[in-house]
């Protein structure tokens, strides 16, 4: 049985989708939910789901990203995860951290990578006149929002779409895609899935 640690910075809706999927014959179970924000709503939701939590506040480490990551790594190593799933974890990770978890580190990003790395993905897709948007689950590498793509889900961009409306529709697909990819990844599969 694979052990999965999930890292988040906000409300944790993707974390909830992942945790709820890891039941029955699923080859993995959640072992930890961690956040860089002690007030993150996702920590409370994880505790309600019976998953151990940890908060490593990034603010005392201002200007010391390696120090923050060392504290985060210590908490992760205590939980001994086989897989680390980033689910709205809003910290850019150093190559040292990524190397430490290489081959075991997943992320979900709200665009059809390689398009729109970084922030404001929905507004950028609308502004570009794109006809579709979506989300991507990928293995994490040292480059921002890069790495082998394990899955994508697409949604049409409607003429009346606002960034918020598009984000809400993409989020529904994130909650479908990430659990599917995590299960396949825990089974040792790296082949891409498209929804």
Protein backbone atom coordinates (compact mmCIF):
# COMPACT_ATOMS: atom_id res chain seq x y z
CA UNK A 1 0.00 0.00 0.00
CA UNK A 2 1.50 3.33 -1.09
CA UNK A 3 1.51 6.24 1.34
CA UNK A 4 0.48 9.64 -0.02
CA UNK A 5 1.26 13.05 1.48
CA UNK A 6 -0.76 15.95 0.10
CA UNK A 7 0.46 19.56 0.26
CA UNK A 8 -1.93 22.50 -0.03
CA UNK A 9 -2.18 26.22 0.69
CA UNK A 10 -5.92 26.88 0.62
CA UNK A 11 -9.30 25.27 1.02
CA UNK A 12 -8.23 21.82 -0.06
CA UNK A 13 -10.95 20.77 -2.51
CA UNK A 14 -8.50 18.72 -4.58
CA UNK A 15 -7.12 17.18 -1.39
CA UNK A 16 -10.66 16.12 -0.40
CA UNK A 17 -11.17 14.53 -3.83
CA UNK A 18 -7.88 12.64 -3.49
CA UNK A 19 -8.51 11.46 0.09
CA UNK A 20 -12.06 10.32 -0.70
CA UNK A 21 -10.76 8.33 -3.69
CA UNK A 22 -8.23 6.36 -1.62
CA UNK A 23 -10.58 3.68 -0.29
CA UNK A 24 -11.46 0.08 -1.06
CA UNK A 25 -9.08 -1.55 -3.55
CA UNK A 26 -7.18 1.70 -4.18
CA UNK A 27 -3.42 0.99 -4.00
CA UNK A 28 -2.71 4.05 -1.82
CA UNK A 29 -3.80 5.73 1.40
CA UNK A 30 -3.28 9.29 2.69
CA UNK A 31 -0.63 9.55 5.41
CA UNK A 32 -0.36 13.34 5.83
CA UNK A 33 -1.82 16.66 4.71
CA UNK A 34 0.59 19.55 5.04
CA UNK A 35 0.34 23.27 4.42
CA UNK A 36 2.54 26.36 4.39
CA UNK A 37 -0.38 28.27 5.97
CA UNK A 38 -1.50 27.25 9.49
CA UNK A 39 -4.90 28.84 8.75
CA UNK A 40 -5.49 26.92 5.50
CA UNK A 41 -9.03 25.54 5.40
CA UNK A 42 -7.70 22.33 3.92
CA UNK A 43 -6.01 21.42 7.21
CA UNK A 44 -9.36 21.49 9.04
CA UNK A 45 -11.00 19.48 6.25
CA UNK A 46 -8.19 16.90 6.37
CA UNK A 47 -8.56 16.53 10.13
CA UNK A 48 -12.31 16.00 9.68
CA UNK A 49 -11.45 13.21 7.21
CA UNK A 50 -9.15 11.61 9.80
CA UNK A 51 -5.88 12.42 8.05
CA UNK A 52 -2.91 13.65 10.14
CA UNK A 53 -1.96 17.27 9.42
CA UNK A 54 1.06 19.51 9.76
CA UNK A 55 1.58 23.22 9.14
CA UNK A 56 5.00 24.67 8.35
CA UNK A 57 4.36 28.43 8.18
CA UNK A 58 6.54 29.86 5.40
CA UNK A 59 6.43 33.43 6.76
CA UNK A 60 9.11 33.04 9.48
CA UNK A 61 11.42 31.75 6.71
CA UNK A 62 11.16 34.92 4.59
CA UNK A 63 14.20 34.97 2.31
CA UNK A 64 15.19 31.45 3.38
CA UNK A 65 13.42 29.05 1.03
CA UNK A 66 15.90 26.21 1.75
CA UNK A 67 15.19 26.62 5.48
CA UNK A 68 11.44 26.38 4.90
CA UNK A 69 11.90 23.34 2.67
CA UNK A 70 14.16 21.66 5.24
CA UNK A 71 11.39 21.99 7.84
CA UNK A 72 8.82 20.72 5.33
CA UNK A 73 11.07 17.81 4.35
CA UNK A 74 11.52 16.83 8.00
CA UNK A 75 7.74 16.70 8.46
CA UNK A 76 7.33 14.70 5.25
CA UNK A 77 10.09 12.25 6.14
CA UNK A 78 8.41 11.57 9.47
CA UNK A 79 5.26 10.55 7.57
CA UNK A 80 7.34 8.47 5.10
CA UNK A 81 5.25 9.02 1.97
CA UNK A 82 5.83 7.08 -1.25
CA UNK A 83 4.11 9.86 -3.22
CA UNK A 84 3.84 13.61 -2.56
CA UNK A 85 0.84 15.22 -4.27
CA UNK A 86 0.78 19.00 -4.59
CA UNK A 87 -2.84 20.17 -4.52
CA UNK A 88 -2.90 23.95 -4.64
CA UNK A 89 0.44 24.29 -2.85
CA UNK A 90 1.35 27.89 -3.67
CA UNK A 91 5.09 27.80 -3.06
CA UNK A 92 7.71 27.58 -5.78
CA UNK A 93 9.99 24.67 -4.89
CA UNK A 94 13.77 24.69 -5.19
CA UNK A 95 15.62 22.11 -7.30
CA UNK A 96 16.96 20.60 -4.08
CA UNK A 97 13.46 19.83 -2.80
CA UNK A 98 12.30 18.56 -6.17
CA UNK A 99 15.37 16.31 -6.47
CA UNK A 100 14.72 14.88 -2.99
CA UNK A 101 11.26 13.68 -4.10
CA UNK A 102 12.02 13.11 -7.81
CA UNK A 103 9.81 10.51 -9.44
CA UNK A 104 7.36 10.69 -6.53
CA UNK A 105 6.14 14.30 -6.81
CA UNK A 106 2.87 15.16 -8.58
CA UNK A 107 1.12 18.48 -9.22
CA UNK A 108 -2.16 19.64 -10.70
CA UNK A 109 -2.18 22.88 -12.68
CA UNK A 110 -5.27 24.73 -13.95
CA UNK A 111 -4.27 25.00 -17.61
CA UNK A 112 -3.51 22.77 -20.56
CA UNK A 113 0.25 22.73 -20.11
CA UNK A 114 2.58 23.72 -21.65
CA UNK A 115 0.22 26.72 -22.05
CA UNK A 116 -0.08 29.23 -19.21
CA UNK A 117 2.45 28.19 -16.62
CA UNK A 118 2.19 30.20 -13.40
CA UNK A 119 -0.81 32.24 -12.25
CA UNK A 120 -4.00 33.74 -13.74
CA UNK A 121 -4.36 30.85 -16.16
CA UNK A 122 -8.10 31.27 -16.83
CA UNK A 123 -7.91 35.00 -17.53
CA UNK A 124 -4.93 34.41 -19.83
CA UNK A 125 -6.75 31.67 -21.78
CA UNK A 126 -9.82 33.90 -22.26
CA UNK A 127 -7.69 36.91 -23.24
CA UNK A 128 -5.86 34.81 -25.83
CA UNK A 129 -9.16 33.85 -27.47
CA UNK A 130 -8.66 30.14 -26.77
CA UNK A 131 -11.64 27.87 -27.44
CA UNK A 132 -10.77 25.43 -24.65
CA UNK A 133 -9.09 25.35 -21.28
CA UNK A 134 -8.57 22.67 -18.68
CA UNK A 135 -6.17 21.17 -16.19
CA UNK A 136 -3.03 19.07 -16.21
CA UNK A 137 -1.54 16.57 -13.75
CA UNK A 138 2.20 16.23 -14.20
CA UNK A 139 5.31 14.97 -12.52
CA UNK A 140 7.17 17.86 -10.92
CA UNK A 141 10.59 18.87 -12.18
CA UNK A 142 12.75 21.83 -11.19
CA UNK A 143 11.20 23.99 -13.95
CA UNK A 144 7.94 25.77 -13.01
CA UNK A 145 4.81 23.85 -14.11
CA UNK A 146 6.90 21.54 -16.24
CA UNK A 147 7.59 17.81 -16.22
CA UNK A 148 6.03 14.76 -17.87
CA UNK A 149 2.28 15.14 -18.36
CA UNK A 150 0.31 12.26 -16.82
CA UNK A 151 -3.19 13.51 -17.62
CA UNK A 152 -5.28 16.37 -18.94
CA UNK A 153 -8.97 17.25 -18.87
CA UNK A 154 -10.48 19.82 -21.23
CA UNK A 155 -13.47 22.14 -21.03
CA UNK A 156 -14.79 24.53 -23.69
CA UNK A 157 -14.38 28.25 -23.16
CA UNK A 158 -17.82 29.81 -23.63
CA UNK A 159 -18.33 33.27 -25.18
CA UNK A 160 -19.73 34.67 -21.91
CA UNK A 161 -17.05 33.10 -19.68
CA UNK A 162 -15.40 35.07 -16.92
CA UNK A 163 -12.20 33.80 -15.30
CA UNK A 164 -14.25 32.79 -12.23
CA UNK A 165 -16.87 30.90 -14.26
CA UNK A 166 -14.20 29.09 -16.25
CA UNK A 167 -12.24 28.28 -13.08
CA UNK A 168 -15.33 26.70 -11.52
CA UNK A 169 -15.87 24.42 -14.53
CA UNK A 170 -12.19 23.47 -14.68
CA UNK A 171 -12.23 22.67 -10.94
CA UNK A 172 -14.95 20.05 -11.51
CA UNK A 173 -12.59 18.34 -13.97
CA UNK A 174 -9.62 18.68 -11.57
CA UNK A 175 -11.63 16.66 -9.03
CA UNK A 176 -12.15 13.92 -11.66
CA UNK A 177 -8.67 13.91 -13.17
CA UNK A 178 -6.35 14.06 -10.16
CA UNK A 179 -7.80 10.99 -8.37
CA UNK A 180 -7.64 8.98 -11.62
CA UNK A 181 -4.02 9.92 -12.25
CA UNK A 182 -3.02 9.33 -8.61
CA UNK A 183 -4.47 5.82 -8.68
CA UNK A 184 -2.66 4.98 -11.90
CA UNK A 185 0.58 6.51 -10.57
CA UNK A 186 0.30 4.45 -7.36
CA UNK A 187 -0.08 1.36 -9.55
CA UNK A 188 3.20 2.26 -11.26
CA UNK A 189 1.60 3.58 -14.45
CA UNK A 190 3.01 6.69 -16.13
CA UNK A 191 1.00 6.54 -19.38
CA UNK A 192 -1.06 9.63 -20.09
CA UNK A 193 -4.83 9.82 -19.65
CA UNK A 194 -7.05 12.42 -21.34
CA UNK A 195 -10.59 13.26 -20.26
